[in-house]
């Protein structure tokens, strides 16, 4: 384990050299039912660019970035807001 409990080897590296690790616990938070039964079918990754910038990104089924945040708590709030939006659409 190296950074923040993630493995040394990323899950994948894209063409730009950005390293991607799946963030299992935050993904589980997004996919877990909230008090209203709402879930998000999304995945969270920790990404590190070649210049060392690190952030977490929330990806939808098509691998589009839905949210991006360096602060874990801020990302959790965004996940909660997305779940609330799902209920009111």
PDB file of N, CA and C in Angstrom:
ATOM      1  N   UNK A   1       0.844  -1.180   0.000  1.00  0.00           N
ATOM      2  CA  UNK A   1       0.000   0.000   0.000  1.00  0.00           C
ATOM      3  C   UNK A   1       0.883   1.234   0.000  1.00  0.00           C
ATOM      4  N   UNK A   2       0.422   2.228  -0.727  1.00  0.00           N
ATOM      5  CA  UNK A   2       1.221   3.442  -0.753  1.00  0.00           C
ATOM      6  C   UNK A   2       0.379   4.645  -0.359  1.00  0.00           C
ATOM      7  N   UNK A   3      -0.242   5.288  -1.290  1.00  0.00           N
ATOM      8  CA  UNK A   3      -0.974   6.514  -1.008  1.00  0.00           C
ATOM      9  C   UNK A   3      -2.361   6.217  -0.453  1.00  0.00           C
ATOM     10  N   UNK A   4      -2.658   6.774   0.670  1.00  0.00           N
ATOM     11  CA  UNK A   4      -4.003   6.732   1.243  1.00  0.00           C
ATOM     12  C   UNK A   4      -4.611   5.339   1.288  1.00  0.00           C
ATOM     13  N   UNK A   5      -3.797   4.312   1.434  1.00  0.00           N
ATOM     14  CA  UNK A   5      -4.319   2.963   1.511  1.00  0.00           C
ATOM     15  C   UNK A   5      -4.602   2.312   0.169  1.00  0.00           C
ATOM     16  N   UNK A   6      -4.234   2.966  -0.921  1.00  0.00           N
ATOM     17  CA  UNK A   6      -4.429   2.401  -2.252  1.00  0.00           C
ATOM     18  C   UNK A   6      -3.181   1.614  -2.637  1.00  0.00           C
ATOM     19  N   UNK A   7      -3.326   0.649  -3.524  1.00  0.00           N
ATOM     20  CA  UNK A   7      -2.184  -0.168  -3.930  1.00  0.00           C
ATOM     21  C   UNK A   7      -1.165   0.664  -4.703  1.00  0.00           C
ATOM     22  N   UNK A   8       0.061   0.169  -4.737  1.00  0.00           N
ATOM     23  CA  UNK A   8       1.120   0.855  -5.481  1.00  0.00           C
ATOM     24  C   UNK A   8       0.789   0.953  -6.962  1.00  0.00           C
ATOM     25  N   UNK A   9       0.250  -0.107  -7.503  1.00  0.00           N
ATOM     26  CA  UNK A   9      -0.067  -0.144  -8.928  1.00  0.00           C
ATOM     27  C   UNK A   9      -1.491   0.349  -9.172  1.00  0.00           C
ATOM     28  N   UNK A  10      -1.667   1.317 -10.074  1.00  0.00           N
ATOM     29  CA  UNK A  10      -3.020   1.798 -10.374  1.00  0.00           C
ATOM     30  C   UNK A  10      -3.827   0.729 -11.100  1.00  0.00           C
ATOM     31  N   UNK A  11      -5.151   0.889 -11.060  1.00  0.00           N
ATOM     32  CA  UNK A  11      -6.020  -0.028 -11.797  1.00  0.00           C
ATOM     33  C   UNK A  11      -5.842   0.157 -13.296  1.00  0.00           C
ATOM     34  N   UNK A  12      -5.584   1.393 -13.715  1.00  0.00           N
ATOM     35  CA  UNK A  12      -5.223   1.645 -15.109  1.00  0.00           C
ATOM     36  C   UNK A  12      -4.574   3.016 -15.234  1.00  0.00           C
ATOM     37  N   UNK A  13      -3.893   3.206 -16.362  1.00  0.00           N
ATOM     38  CA  UNK A  13      -3.261   4.477 -16.694  1.00  0.00           C
ATOM     39  C   UNK A  13      -3.785   4.862 -18.073  1.00  0.00           C
ATOM     40  N   UNK A  14      -4.313   6.095 -18.212  1.00  0.00           N
ATOM     41  CA  UNK A  14      -4.846   6.494 -19.512  1.00  0.00           C
ATOM     42  C   UNK A  14      -3.739   6.999 -20.434  1.00  0.00           C
ATOM     43  N   UNK A  15      -4.123   7.381 -21.643  1.00  0.00           N
ATOM     44  CA  UNK A  15      -3.159   7.822 -22.654  1.00  0.00           C
ATOM     45  C   UNK A  15      -2.384   9.071 -22.242  1.00  0.00           C
ATOM     46  N   UNK A  16      -2.954   9.868 -21.355  1.00  0.00           N
ATOM     47  CA  UNK A  16      -2.298  11.095 -20.902  1.00  0.00           C
ATOM     48  C   UNK A  16      -1.343  10.842 -19.730  1.00  0.00           C
ATOM     49  N   UNK A  17      -1.297   9.603 -19.261  1.00  0.00           N
ATOM     50  CA  UNK A  17      -0.421   9.254 -18.153  1.00  0.00           C
ATOM     51  C   UNK A  17      -1.052   9.418 -16.781  1.00  0.00           C
ATOM     52  N   UNK A  18      -2.351   9.718 -16.740  1.00  0.00           N
ATOM     53  CA  UNK A  18      -3.056   9.828 -15.458  1.00  0.00           C
ATOM     54  C   UNK A  18      -3.292   8.424 -14.899  1.00  0.00           C
ATOM     55  N   UNK A  19      -2.940   8.239 -13.634  1.00  0.00           N
ATOM     56  CA  UNK A  19      -3.120   6.959 -12.956  1.00  0.00           C
ATOM     57  C   UNK A  19      -4.475   6.966 -12.258  1.00  0.00           C
ATOM     58  N   UNK A  20      -5.169   5.839 -12.315  1.00  0.00           N
ATOM     59  CA  UNK A  20      -6.513   5.718 -11.747  1.00  0.00           C
ATOM     60  C   UNK A  20      -6.580   4.515 -10.817  1.00  0.00           C
ATOM     61  N   UNK A  21      -7.029   4.750  -9.582  1.00  0.00           N
ATOM     62  CA  UNK A  21      -7.283   3.679  -8.607  1.00  0.00           C
ATOM     63  C   UNK A  21      -8.758   3.736  -8.232  1.00  0.00           C
ATOM     64  N   UNK A  22      -9.431   2.584  -8.200  1.00  0.00           N
ATOM     65  CA  UNK A  22     -10.820   2.577  -7.752  1.00  0.00           C
ATOM     66  C   UNK A  22     -10.845   2.869  -6.258  1.00  0.00           C
ATOM     67  N   UNK A  23     -11.749   3.731  -5.857  1.00  0.00           N
ATOM     68  CA  UNK A  23     -11.956   4.066  -4.445  1.00  0.00           C
ATOM     69  C   UNK A  23     -13.145   3.230  -3.973  1.00  0.00           C
ATOM     70  N   UNK A  24     -12.840   2.082  -3.418  1.00  0.00           N
ATOM     71  CA  UNK A  24     -13.871   1.100  -3.069  1.00  0.00           C
ATOM     72  C   UNK A  24     -14.853   1.658  -2.046  1.00  0.00           C
ATOM     73  N   UNK A  25     -14.359   2.260  -0.973  1.00  0.00           N
ATOM     74  CA  UNK A  25     -15.263   2.705   0.089  1.00  0.00           C
ATOM     75  C   UNK A  25     -16.177   3.842  -0.369  1.00  0.00           C
ATOM     76  N   UNK A  26     -15.672   4.777  -1.159  1.00  0.00           N
ATOM     77  CA  UNK A  26     -16.522   5.872  -1.625  1.00  0.00           C
ATOM     78  C   UNK A  26     -17.481   5.386  -2.705  1.00  0.00           C
ATOM     79  N   UNK A  27     -17.049   4.426  -3.512  1.00  0.00           N
ATOM     80  CA  UNK A  27     -17.958   3.818  -4.488  1.00  0.00           C
ATOM     81  C   UNK A  27     -19.106   3.121  -3.763  1.00  0.00           C
ATOM     82  N   UNK A  28     -18.772   2.386  -2.697  1.00  0.00           N
ATOM     83  CA  UNK A  28     -19.822   1.714  -1.918  1.00  0.00           C
ATOM     84  C   UNK A  28     -20.788   2.732  -1.333  1.00  0.00           C
ATOM     85  N   UNK A  29     -20.282   3.880  -0.892  1.00  0.00           N
ATOM     86  CA  UNK A  29     -21.148   4.928  -0.352  1.00  0.00           C
ATOM     87  C   UNK A  29     -22.105   5.432  -1.427  1.00  0.00           C
ATOM     88  N   UNK A  30     -21.613   5.632  -2.637  1.00  0.00           N
ATOM     89  CA  UNK A  30     -22.470   6.107  -3.727  1.00  0.00           C
ATOM     90  C   UNK A  30     -23.522   5.067  -4.097  1.00  0.00           C
ATOM     91  N   UNK A  31     -23.152   3.797  -4.063  1.00  0.00           N
ATOM     92  CA  UNK A  31     -24.051   2.731  -4.494  1.00  0.00           C
ATOM     93  C   UNK A  31     -24.955   2.212  -3.383  1.00  0.00           C
ATOM     94  N   UNK A  32     -24.686   2.592  -2.141  1.00  0.00           N
ATOM     95  CA  UNK A  32     -25.488   2.141  -1.006  1.00  0.00           C
ATOM     96  C   UNK A  32     -26.818   2.912  -0.976  1.00  0.00           C
ATOM     97  N   UNK A  33     -27.881   2.211  -0.668  1.00  0.00           N
ATOM     98  CA  UNK A  33     -29.199   2.856  -0.527  1.00  0.00           C
ATOM     99  C   UNK A  33     -29.167   3.872   0.595  1.00  0.00           C
ATOM    100  N   UNK A  34     -29.724   5.051   0.320  1.00  0.00           N
ATOM    101  CA  UNK A  34     -29.860   6.021   1.404  1.00  0.00           C
ATOM    102  C   UNK A  34     -31.180   5.762   2.128  1.00  0.00           C
ATOM    103  N   UNK A  35     -31.558   6.627   3.028  1.00  0.00           N
ATOM    104  CA  UNK A  35     -32.775   6.439   3.826  1.00  0.00           C
ATOM    105  C   UNK A  35     -34.038   6.399   2.972  1.00  0.00           C
ATOM    106  N   UNK A  36     -33.940   6.895   1.733  1.00  0.00           N
ATOM    107  CA  UNK A  36     -35.099   6.937   0.832  1.00  0.00           C
ATOM    108  C   UNK A  36     -35.037   5.849  -0.234  1.00  0.00           C
ATOM    109  N   UNK A  37     -34.030   4.983  -0.147  1.00  0.00           N
ATOM    110  CA  UNK A  37     -33.898   3.897  -1.108  1.00  0.00           C
ATOM    111  C   UNK A  37     -33.215   4.298  -2.407  1.00  0.00           C
ATOM    112  N   UNK A  38     -32.602   5.459  -2.438  1.00  0.00           N
ATOM    113  CA  UNK A  38     -31.956   5.949  -3.653  1.00  0.00           C
ATOM    114  C   UNK A  38     -30.503   5.482  -3.711  1.00  0.00           C
ATOM    115  N   UNK A  39     -30.090   5.008  -4.874  1.00  0.00           N
ATOM    116  CA  UNK A  39     -28.705   4.594  -5.105  1.00  0.00           C
ATOM    117  C   UNK A  39     -28.198   5.265  -6.371  1.00  0.00           C
ATOM    118  N   UNK A  40     -26.896   5.356  -6.484  1.00  0.00           N
ATOM    119  CA  UNK A  40     -26.276   5.844  -7.716  1.00  0.00           C
ATOM    120  C   UNK A  40     -25.495   4.699  -8.340  1.00  0.00           C
ATOM    121  N   UNK A  41     -25.707   4.472  -9.611  1.00  0.00           N
ATOM    122  CA  UNK A  41     -24.951   3.434 -10.318  1.00  0.00           C
ATOM    123  C   UNK A  41     -23.700   4.095 -10.890  1.00  0.00           C
ATOM    124  N   UNK A  42     -22.802   4.476  -9.986  1.00  0.00           N
ATOM    125  CA  UNK A  42     -21.592   5.204 -10.360  1.00  0.00           C
ATOM    126  C   UNK A  42     -20.398   4.630  -9.609  1.00  0.00           C
ATOM    127  N   UNK A  43     -19.203   4.983 -10.087  1.00  0.00           N
ATOM    128  CA  UNK A  43     -17.957   4.493  -9.513  1.00  0.00           C
ATOM    129  C   UNK A  43     -17.069   5.691  -9.199  1.00  0.00           C
ATOM    130  N   UNK A  44     -16.333   5.613  -8.084  1.00  0.00           N
ATOM    131  CA  UNK A  44     -15.409   6.676  -7.692  1.00  0.00           C
ATOM    132  C   UNK A  44     -13.978   6.179  -7.881  1.00  0.00           C
ATOM    133  N   UNK A  45     -13.167   7.025  -8.482  1.00  0.00           N
ATOM    134  CA  UNK A  45     -11.741   6.736  -8.651  1.00  0.00           C
ATOM    135  C   UNK A  45     -10.912   7.837  -8.016  1.00  0.00           C
ATOM    136  N   UNK A  46      -9.748   7.461  -7.535  1.00  0.00           N
ATOM    137  CA  UNK A  46      -8.716   8.409  -7.157  1.00  0.00           C
ATOM    138  C   UNK A  46      -7.831   8.524  -8.388  1.00  0.00           C
ATOM    139  N   UNK A  47      -7.616   9.749  -8.848  1.00  0.00           N
ATOM    140  CA  UNK A  47      -6.806   9.973 -10.048  1.00  0.00           C
ATOM    141  C   UNK A  47      -5.604  10.836  -9.696  1.00  0.00           C
ATOM    142  N   UNK A  48      -4.460  10.498 -10.293  1.00  0.00           N
ATOM    143  CA  UNK A  48      -3.244  11.286 -10.120  1.00  0.00           C
ATOM    144  C   UNK A  48      -2.657  11.574 -11.497  1.00  0.00           C
ATOM    145  N   UNK A  49      -2.543  12.871 -11.834  1.00  0.00           N
ATOM    146  CA  UNK A  49      -1.966  13.247 -13.118  1.00  0.00           C
ATOM    147  C   UNK A  49      -0.451  13.110 -13.076  1.00  0.00           C
ATOM    148  N   UNK A  50       0.166  13.231 -14.239  1.00  0.00           N
ATOM    149  CA  UNK A  50       1.631  13.111 -14.322  1.00  0.00           C
ATOM    150  C   UNK A  50       2.336  14.169 -13.479  1.00  0.00           C
ATOM    151  N   UNK A  51       1.702  15.333 -13.286  1.00  0.00           N
ATOM    152  CA  UNK A  51       2.348  16.384 -12.492  1.00  0.00           C
ATOM    153  C   UNK A  51       2.042  16.277 -10.999  1.00  0.00           C
ATOM    154  N   UNK A  52       1.369  15.178 -10.578  1.00  0.00           N
ATOM    155  CA  UNK A  52       1.141  14.923  -9.159  1.00  0.00           C
ATOM    156  C   UNK A  52      -0.176  15.430  -8.595  1.00  0.00           C
ATOM    157  N   UNK A  53      -1.018  16.072  -9.426  1.00  0.00           N
ATOM    158  CA  UNK A  53      -2.331  16.540  -8.956  1.00  0.00           C
ATOM    159  C   UNK A  53      -3.208  15.324  -8.676  1.00  0.00           C
ATOM    160  N   UNK A  54      -3.770  15.277  -7.454  1.00  0.00           N
ATOM    161  CA  UNK A  54      -4.623  14.151  -7.073  1.00  0.00           C
ATOM    162  C   UNK A  54      -6.033  14.639  -6.777  1.00  0.00           C
ATOM    163  N   UNK A  55      -7.007  13.868  -7.224  1.00  0.00           N
ATOM    164  CA  UNK A  55      -8.398  14.207  -7.021  1.00  0.00           C
ATOM    165  C   UNK A  55      -9.229  12.930  -7.073  1.00  0.00           C
ATOM    166  N   UNK A  56     -10.451  13.035  -6.621  1.00  0.00           N
ATOM    167  CA  UNK A  56     -11.396  11.920  -6.756  1.00  0.00           C
ATOM    168  C   UNK A  56     -12.423  12.320  -7.804  1.00  0.00           C
ATOM    169  N   UNK A  57     -12.821  11.348  -8.620  1.00  0.00           N
ATOM    170  CA  UNK A  57     -13.826  11.607  -9.647  1.00  0.00           C
ATOM    171  C   UNK A  57     -14.933  10.568  -9.550  1.00  0.00           C
ATOM    172  N   UNK A  58     -16.148  11.026  -9.754  1.00  0.00           N
ATOM    173  CA  UNK A  58     -17.331  10.172  -9.761  1.00  0.00           C
ATOM    174  C   UNK A  58     -17.714   9.977 -11.223  1.00  0.00           C
ATOM    175  N   UNK A  59     -17.731   8.727 -11.666  1.00  0.00           N
ATOM    176  CA  UNK A  59     -18.007   8.412 -13.068  1.00  0.00           C
ATOM    177  C   UNK A  59     -19.347   7.711 -13.214  1.00  0.00           C
ATOM    178  N   UNK A  60     -20.069   8.051 -14.298  1.00  0.00           N
ATOM    179  CA  UNK A  60     -21.335   7.375 -14.589  1.00  0.00           C
ATOM    180  C   UNK A  60     -21.061   6.101 -15.396  1.00  0.00           C
ATOM    181  N   UNK A  61     -22.135   5.448 -15.851  1.00  0.00           N
ATOM    182  CA  UNK A  61     -22.013   4.187 -16.600  1.00  0.00           C
ATOM    183  C   UNK A  61     -21.179   4.321 -17.869  1.00  0.00           C
ATOM    184  N   UNK A  62     -21.217   5.492 -18.492  1.00  0.00           N
ATOM    185  CA  UNK A  62     -20.485   5.719 -19.737  1.00  0.00           C
ATOM    186  C   UNK A  62     -19.068   6.227 -19.499  1.00  0.00           C
ATOM    187  N   UNK A  63     -18.638   6.203 -18.246  1.00  0.00           N
ATOM    188  CA  UNK A  63     -17.300   6.667 -17.830  1.00  0.00           C
ATOM    189  C   UNK A  63     -17.117   8.174 -18.014  1.00  0.00           C
ATOM    190  N   UNK A  64     -18.231   8.912 -17.983  1.00  0.00           N
ATOM    191  CA  UNK A  64     -18.169  10.371 -17.991  1.00  0.00           C
ATOM    192  C   UNK A  64     -17.987  10.858 -16.565  1.00  0.00           C
ATOM    193  N   UNK A  65     -17.177  11.890 -16.394  1.00  0.00           N
ATOM    194  CA  UNK A  65     -16.987  12.463 -15.065  1.00  0.00           C
ATOM    195  C   UNK A  65     -18.220  13.283 -14.707  1.00  0.00           C
ATOM    196  N   UNK A  66     -18.873  12.887 -13.611  1.00  0.00           N
ATOM    197  CA  UNK A  66     -20.067  13.575 -13.121  1.00  0.00           C
ATOM    198  C   UNK A  66     -19.683  14.630 -12.091  1.00  0.00           C
ATOM    199  N   UNK A  67     -18.748  14.276 -11.212  1.00  0.00           N
ATOM    200  CA  UNK A  67     -18.253  15.183 -10.169  1.00  0.00           C
ATOM    201  C   UNK A  67     -16.761  14.948  -9.994  1.00  0.00           C
ATOM    202  N   UNK A  68     -16.078  15.998  -9.550  1.00  0.00           N
ATOM    203  CA  UNK A  68     -14.650  15.906  -9.260  1.00  0.00           C
ATOM    204  C   UNK A  68     -14.394  16.737  -8.019  1.00  0.00           C
ATOM    205  N   UNK A  69     -13.624  16.170  -7.096  1.00  0.00           N
ATOM    206  CA  UNK A  69     -13.384  16.876  -5.833  1.00  0.00           C
ATOM    207  C   UNK A  69     -12.119  16.345  -5.180  1.00  0.00           C
ATOM    208  N   UNK A  70     -11.302  17.232  -4.677  1.00  0.00           N
ATOM    209  CA  UNK A  70     -10.120  16.814  -3.926  1.00  0.00           C
ATOM    210  C   UNK A  70     -10.478  16.475  -2.482  1.00  0.00           C
ATOM    211  N   UNK A  71     -11.495  17.099  -1.948  1.00  0.00           N
ATOM    212  CA  UNK A  71     -11.905  16.903  -0.566  1.00  0.00           C
ATOM    213  C   UNK A  71     -12.928  15.775  -0.494  1.00  0.00           C
ATOM    214  N   UNK A  72     -12.627  14.730   0.279  1.00  0.00           N
ATOM    215  CA  UNK A  72     -13.501  13.557   0.373  1.00  0.00           C
ATOM    216  C   UNK A  72     -14.882  13.915   0.919  1.00  0.00           C
ATOM    217  N   UNK A  73     -14.929  14.740   1.958  1.00  0.00           N
ATOM    218  CA  UNK A  73     -16.218  15.115   2.549  1.00  0.00           C
ATOM    219  C   UNK A  73     -17.073  15.897   1.550  1.00  0.00           C
ATOM    220  N   UNK A  74     -16.429  16.759   0.768  1.00  0.00           N
ATOM    221  CA  UNK A  74     -17.166  17.529  -0.244  1.00  0.00           C
ATOM    222  C   UNK A  74     -17.731  16.601  -1.310  1.00  0.00           C
ATOM    223  N   UNK A  75     -16.979  15.560  -1.680  1.00  0.00           N
ATOM    224  CA  UNK A  75     -17.493  14.603  -2.656  1.00  0.00           C
ATOM    225  C   UNK A  75     -18.679  13.842  -2.077  1.00  0.00           C
ATOM    226  N   UNK A  76     -18.612  13.470  -0.801  1.00  0.00           N
ATOM    227  CA  UNK A  76     -19.732  12.768  -0.160  1.00  0.00           C
ATOM    228  C   UNK A  76     -20.990  13.639  -0.182  1.00  0.00           C
ATOM    229  N   UNK A  77     -20.837  14.929   0.048  1.00  0.00           N
ATOM    230  CA  UNK A  77     -21.985  15.847  -0.011  1.00  0.00           C
ATOM    231  C   UNK A  77     -22.544  15.897  -1.421  1.00  0.00           C
ATOM    232  N   UNK A  78     -21.679  15.938  -2.417  1.00  0.00           N
ATOM    233  CA  UNK A  78     -22.134  15.952  -3.809  1.00  0.00           C
ATOM    234  C   UNK A  78     -22.873  14.668  -4.148  1.00  0.00           C
ATOM    235  N   UNK A  79     -22.391  13.532  -3.621  1.00  0.00           N
ATOM    236  CA  UNK A  79     -23.088  12.263  -3.834  1.00  0.00           C
ATOM    237  C   UNK A  79     -24.472  12.325  -3.214  1.00  0.00           C
ATOM    238  N   UNK A  80     -24.575  12.843  -1.991  1.00  0.00           N
ATOM    239  CA  UNK A  80     -25.881  12.983  -1.341  1.00  0.00           C
ATOM    240  C   UNK A  80     -26.808  13.884  -2.152  1.00  0.00           C
ATOM    241  N   UNK A  81     -26.260  14.961  -2.702  1.00  0.00           N
ATOM    242  CA  UNK A  81     -27.074  15.880  -3.509  1.00  0.00           C
ATOM    243  C   UNK A  81     -27.554  15.205  -4.792  1.00  0.00           C
ATOM    244  N   UNK A  82     -26.700  14.406  -5.409  1.00  0.00           N
ATOM    245  CA  UNK A  82     -27.113  13.680  -6.611  1.00  0.00           C
ATOM    246  C   UNK A  82     -28.218  12.681  -6.293  1.00  0.00           C
ATOM    247  N   UNK A  83     -28.118  12.023  -5.147  1.00  0.00           N
ATOM    248  CA  UNK A  83     -29.175  11.097  -4.743  1.00  0.00           C
ATOM    249  C   UNK A  83     -30.485  11.844  -4.519  1.00  0.00           C
ATOM    250  N   UNK A  84     -30.431  13.007  -3.883  1.00  0.00           N
ATOM    251  CA  UNK A  84     -31.637  13.815  -3.679  1.00  0.00           C
ATOM    252  C   UNK A  84     -32.231  14.237  -5.024  1.00  0.00           C
ATOM    253  N   UNK A  85     -31.386  14.639  -5.954  1.00  0.00           N
ATOM    254  CA  UNK A  85     -31.864  15.030  -7.283  1.00  0.00           C
ATOM    255  C   UNK A  85     -32.555  13.878  -7.991  1.00  0.00           C
ATOM    256  N   UNK A  86     -32.047  12.669  -7.803  1.00  0.00           N
ATOM    257  CA  UNK A  86     -32.671  11.480  -8.421  1.00  0.00           C
ATOM    258  C   UNK A  86     -34.123  11.330  -7.951  1.00  0.00           C
ATOM    259  N   UNK A  87     -34.365  11.617  -6.694  1.00  0.00           N
ATOM    260  CA  UNK A  87     -35.712  11.459  -6.151  1.00  0.00           C
ATOM    261  C   UNK A  87     -36.685  12.484  -6.693  1.00  0.00           C
ATOM    262  N   UNK A  88     -36.198  13.645  -7.063  1.00  0.00           N
ATOM    263  CA  UNK A  88     -37.086  14.733  -7.472  1.00  0.00           C
ATOM    264  C   UNK A  88     -37.167  14.917  -8.974  1.00  0.00           C
ATOM    265  N   UNK A  89     -36.538  14.050  -9.739  1.00  0.00           N
ATOM    266  CA  UNK A  89     -36.631  14.154 -11.208  1.00  0.00           C
ATOM    267  C   UNK A  89     -37.794  13.366 -11.722  1.00  0.00           C
TER     268      UNK A  89
END
